[in-house]
N, C-alpha and C. Protein backbone atom coordinates (compact mmCIF):
# COMPACT_ATOMS: atom_id res chain seq x y z
N MET A 1 64.83 128.08 109.60
CA MET A 1 64.47 126.70 109.34
C MET A 1 65.12 126.20 108.05
N LEU A 2 65.10 127.01 107.01
CA LEU A 2 65.67 126.62 105.73
C LEU A 2 67.17 126.35 105.85
N ILE A 3 67.88 127.20 106.58
CA ILE A 3 69.32 127.03 106.75
C ILE A 3 69.60 125.71 107.46
N ARG A 4 68.82 125.37 108.47
CA ARG A 4 68.99 124.12 109.20
C ARG A 4 68.78 122.93 108.27
N GLU A 5 67.78 123.01 107.40
CA GLU A 5 67.51 121.93 106.45
C GLU A 5 68.65 121.77 105.47
N ILE A 6 69.16 122.87 104.94
CA ILE A 6 70.28 122.81 104.00
C ILE A 6 71.51 122.23 104.68
N ARG A 7 71.78 122.69 105.89
CA ARG A 7 72.94 122.19 106.64
C ARG A 7 72.79 120.70 106.92
N GLY A 8 71.58 120.26 107.27
CA GLY A 8 71.33 118.84 107.52
C GLY A 8 71.57 118.00 106.29
N LYS A 9 71.15 118.49 105.13
CA LYS A 9 71.37 117.77 103.87
C LYS A 9 72.85 117.72 103.54
N LYS A 10 73.56 118.82 103.80
CA LYS A 10 74.99 118.86 103.53
C LYS A 10 75.73 117.85 104.40
N ILE A 11 75.36 117.77 105.68
CA ILE A 11 75.99 116.82 106.60
C ILE A 11 75.72 115.40 106.15
N LYS A 12 74.48 115.10 105.78
CA LYS A 12 74.16 113.75 105.29
C LYS A 12 74.94 113.44 104.03
N ASN A 13 75.06 114.42 103.15
CA ASN A 13 75.79 114.22 101.90
C ASN A 13 77.26 113.91 102.17
N ILE A 14 77.87 114.64 103.09
CA ILE A 14 79.27 114.39 103.43
C ILE A 14 79.42 113.01 104.07
N LYS A 15 78.51 112.64 104.95
CA LYS A 15 78.56 111.32 105.58
C LYS A 15 78.43 110.22 104.53
N MET A 16 77.56 110.42 103.54
CA MET A 16 77.41 109.44 102.48
C MET A 16 78.68 109.35 101.65
N LYS A 17 79.33 110.49 101.42
CA LYS A 17 80.58 110.48 100.66
C LYS A 17 81.68 109.75 101.42
N PHE A 18 81.69 109.88 102.75
CA PHE A 18 82.66 109.13 103.55
C PHE A 18 82.42 107.63 103.41
N GLU A 19 81.16 107.23 103.37
CA GLU A 19 80.84 105.81 103.17
C GLU A 19 81.32 105.35 101.80
N ASP A 20 81.13 106.18 100.78
CA ASP A 20 81.61 105.87 99.44
C ASP A 20 83.14 105.77 99.43
N LEU A 21 83.80 106.67 100.15
CA LEU A 21 85.27 106.63 100.24
C LEU A 21 85.73 105.32 100.86
N LYS A 22 85.05 104.91 101.90
CA LYS A 22 85.41 103.67 102.59
C LYS A 22 85.37 102.49 101.62
N VAL A 23 84.32 102.42 100.83
CA VAL A 23 84.18 101.34 99.83
C VAL A 23 85.28 101.45 98.78
N SER A 24 85.55 102.65 98.32
CA SER A 24 86.57 102.85 97.29
C SER A 24 87.96 102.51 97.80
N VAL A 25 88.26 102.86 99.03
CA VAL A 25 89.57 102.52 99.61
C VAL A 25 89.71 101.00 99.70
N GLN A 26 88.65 100.31 100.06
CA GLN A 26 88.71 98.85 100.10
C GLN A 26 88.96 98.28 98.71
N GLU A 27 88.38 98.89 97.68
CA GLU A 27 88.62 98.46 96.31
C GLU A 27 90.10 98.64 95.96
N ILE A 28 90.69 99.74 96.38
CA ILE A 28 92.12 99.98 96.12
C ILE A 28 92.95 98.90 96.80
N ILE A 29 92.63 98.60 98.05
CA ILE A 29 93.37 97.57 98.79
C ILE A 29 93.23 96.22 98.09
N ASP A 30 92.03 95.90 97.62
CA ASP A 30 91.81 94.64 96.90
C ASP A 30 92.62 94.60 95.60
N LEU A 31 92.68 95.72 94.90
CA LEU A 31 93.46 95.78 93.66
C LEU A 31 94.96 95.61 93.94
N ILE A 32 95.43 96.20 95.02
CA ILE A 32 96.84 96.03 95.41
C ILE A 32 97.11 94.57 95.72
N ALA A 33 96.21 93.94 96.46
CA ALA A 33 96.37 92.53 96.82
C ALA A 33 96.39 91.64 95.57
N ALA A 34 95.63 92.05 94.54
CA ALA A 34 95.58 91.29 93.29
C ALA A 34 96.74 91.66 92.37
N LYS A 35 97.64 92.51 92.85
CA LYS A 35 98.81 92.97 92.10
C LYS A 35 98.42 93.72 90.83
N ASN A 36 97.30 94.39 90.88
CA ASN A 36 96.83 95.21 89.77
C ASN A 36 97.10 96.68 90.12
N ASN A 37 98.39 97.03 90.13
CA ASN A 37 98.80 98.35 90.60
C ASN A 37 98.34 99.49 89.69
N ARG A 38 98.28 99.25 88.40
CA ARG A 38 97.84 100.32 87.49
C ARG A 38 96.40 100.72 87.80
N GLU A 39 95.52 99.72 87.92
CA GLU A 39 94.12 100.00 88.22
C GLU A 39 93.98 100.59 89.63
N ALA A 40 94.79 100.10 90.57
CA ALA A 40 94.77 100.63 91.94
C ALA A 40 95.17 102.10 91.94
N ASN A 41 96.18 102.44 91.14
CA ASN A 41 96.62 103.83 91.07
C ASN A 41 95.55 104.72 90.45
N ASN A 42 94.88 104.23 89.40
CA ASN A 42 93.79 104.99 88.78
C ASN A 42 92.66 105.23 89.78
N LYS A 43 92.31 104.21 90.54
CA LYS A 43 91.25 104.34 91.55
C LYS A 43 91.70 105.31 92.65
N LEU A 44 92.96 105.25 93.01
CA LEU A 44 93.51 106.15 94.02
C LEU A 44 93.38 107.61 93.58
N LEU A 45 93.63 107.88 92.32
CA LEU A 45 93.48 109.24 91.80
C LEU A 45 92.03 109.71 91.88
N GLU A 46 91.10 108.83 91.55
CA GLU A 46 89.68 109.16 91.66
C GLU A 46 89.29 109.48 93.10
N VAL A 47 89.77 108.66 94.02
CA VAL A 47 89.43 108.84 95.43
C VAL A 47 90.04 110.14 95.96
N ASN A 48 91.25 110.46 95.52
CA ASN A 48 91.87 111.73 95.92
C ASN A 48 91.04 112.92 95.45
N GLU A 49 90.50 112.85 94.24
CA GLU A 49 89.66 113.92 93.73
C GLU A 49 88.38 114.06 94.56
N THR A 50 87.78 112.93 94.90
CA THR A 50 86.58 112.94 95.73
C THR A 50 86.88 113.54 97.10
N LEU A 51 88.01 113.16 97.67
CA LEU A 51 88.40 113.68 98.97
C LEU A 51 88.61 115.19 98.91
N ASP A 52 89.19 115.68 97.82
CA ASP A 52 89.37 117.13 97.64
C ASP A 52 88.02 117.84 97.58
N GLU A 53 87.04 117.23 96.90
CA GLU A 53 85.70 117.81 96.83
C GLU A 53 85.07 117.89 98.22
N ILE A 54 85.23 116.82 98.99
CA ILE A 54 84.68 116.81 100.35
C ILE A 54 85.34 117.89 101.19
N LEU A 55 86.65 118.02 101.04
CA LEU A 55 87.40 119.03 101.79
C LEU A 55 86.90 120.43 101.47
N ASP A 56 86.57 120.67 100.20
CA ASP A 56 86.07 121.98 99.79
C ASP A 56 84.77 122.36 100.50
N HIS A 57 83.97 121.35 100.89
CA HIS A 57 82.66 121.62 101.48
C HIS A 57 82.58 121.32 102.98
N ALA A 58 83.65 120.80 103.54
CA ALA A 58 83.64 120.43 104.96
C ALA A 58 83.71 121.67 105.83
N GLU A 59 82.91 121.65 106.88
CA GLU A 59 82.89 122.77 107.82
C GLU A 59 83.13 122.32 109.25
N GLU A 60 82.72 121.10 109.56
CA GLU A 60 82.81 120.59 110.92
C GLU A 60 84.21 120.04 111.21
N ASP A 61 84.69 120.25 112.43
CA ASP A 61 86.00 119.74 112.83
C ASP A 61 86.07 118.22 112.69
N GLU A 62 84.98 117.55 113.02
CA GLU A 62 84.94 116.09 112.92
C GLU A 62 85.18 115.65 111.47
N ASP A 63 84.57 116.34 110.52
CA ASP A 63 84.76 116.02 109.11
C ASP A 63 86.20 116.27 108.68
N LEU A 64 86.77 117.36 109.16
CA LEU A 64 88.16 117.67 108.81
C LEU A 64 89.12 116.62 109.37
N ARG A 65 88.84 116.12 110.56
CA ARG A 65 89.68 115.06 111.12
C ARG A 65 89.56 113.79 110.29
N GLU A 66 88.35 113.46 109.88
CA GLU A 66 88.13 112.27 109.06
C GLU A 66 88.84 112.42 107.70
N ILE A 67 88.77 113.59 107.13
CA ILE A 67 89.48 113.86 105.87
C ILE A 67 90.97 113.67 106.06
N SER A 68 91.50 114.17 107.16
CA SER A 68 92.92 114.02 107.45
C SER A 68 93.33 112.55 107.54
N ARG A 69 92.49 111.75 108.18
CA ARG A 69 92.78 110.31 108.28
C ARG A 69 92.83 109.66 106.90
N TYR A 70 91.89 110.03 106.05
CA TYR A 70 91.87 109.49 104.69
C TYR A 70 93.08 109.97 103.90
N GLN A 71 93.50 111.22 104.10
CA GLN A 71 94.69 111.71 103.40
C GLN A 71 95.92 110.90 103.77
N VAL A 72 96.07 110.59 105.05
CA VAL A 72 97.20 109.78 105.50
C VAL A 72 97.12 108.38 104.89
N LEU A 73 95.94 107.78 104.94
CA LEU A 73 95.75 106.45 104.39
C LEU A 73 96.03 106.42 102.89
N LEU A 74 95.51 107.40 102.16
CA LEU A 74 95.74 107.44 100.72
C LEU A 74 97.21 107.64 100.39
N ASN A 75 97.90 108.42 101.20
CA ASN A 75 99.34 108.60 101.00
C ASN A 75 100.07 107.27 101.21
N GLN A 76 99.69 106.52 102.23
CA GLN A 76 100.31 105.22 102.48
C GLN A 76 100.04 104.25 101.33
N LEU A 77 98.83 104.28 100.80
CA LEU A 77 98.49 103.43 99.66
C LEU A 77 99.29 103.84 98.43
N HIS A 78 99.47 105.14 98.25
CA HIS A 78 100.29 105.63 97.14
C HIS A 78 101.71 105.08 97.23
N VAL A 79 102.27 105.14 98.42
CA VAL A 79 103.62 104.61 98.63
C VAL A 79 103.66 103.11 98.35
N LYS A 80 102.65 102.40 98.80
CA LYS A 80 102.57 100.96 98.58
C LYS A 80 102.49 100.63 97.08
N ILE A 81 101.70 101.38 96.36
CA ILE A 81 101.52 101.12 94.93
C ILE A 81 102.76 101.50 94.13
N ASN A 82 103.31 102.66 94.43
CA ASN A 82 104.40 103.21 93.62
C ASN A 82 105.79 102.97 94.20
N GLY A 83 105.84 102.47 95.41
CA GLY A 83 107.14 102.13 96.01
C GLY A 83 108.04 103.31 96.27
N GLU A 84 107.45 104.45 96.57
CA GLU A 84 108.25 105.64 96.86
C GLU A 84 107.60 106.44 97.97
N GLU A 85 108.41 107.14 98.71
CA GLU A 85 107.93 108.01 99.77
C GLU A 85 107.58 109.34 99.17
N GLN A 86 106.36 109.84 99.43
CA GLN A 86 105.96 111.13 98.92
C GLN A 86 106.41 112.21 99.90
N VAL A 87 107.05 113.25 99.37
CA VAL A 87 107.54 114.34 100.20
C VAL A 87 106.61 115.52 100.02
N ASP A 88 106.34 116.25 101.11
CA ASP A 88 105.45 117.42 101.02
C ASP A 88 105.95 118.37 99.93
N GLY A 89 105.01 118.80 99.10
CA GLY A 89 105.35 119.75 98.05
C GLY A 89 105.83 119.11 96.77
N GLU A 90 105.97 117.81 96.74
CA GLU A 90 106.43 117.13 95.52
C GLU A 90 105.43 116.14 95.05
């Protein structure tokens, strides 16, 4: 019973973090639209760190797929902000 409760809390916590990510990504998009690239880049770094934390604790395939989607989106936003294509490993 205890394991089920802990797992349930972990799942809720990850779902809440995804909701927070969604809001943060929208903030990045708004900052890009306002041509505030420095602040957008700072927010992007914060969101990347949060995503890494979620990845460290993700166990479900569904969560890993969602993380992958955010990684692609954040990479596209990085390119938009910095005007460069990011290459794997660089």
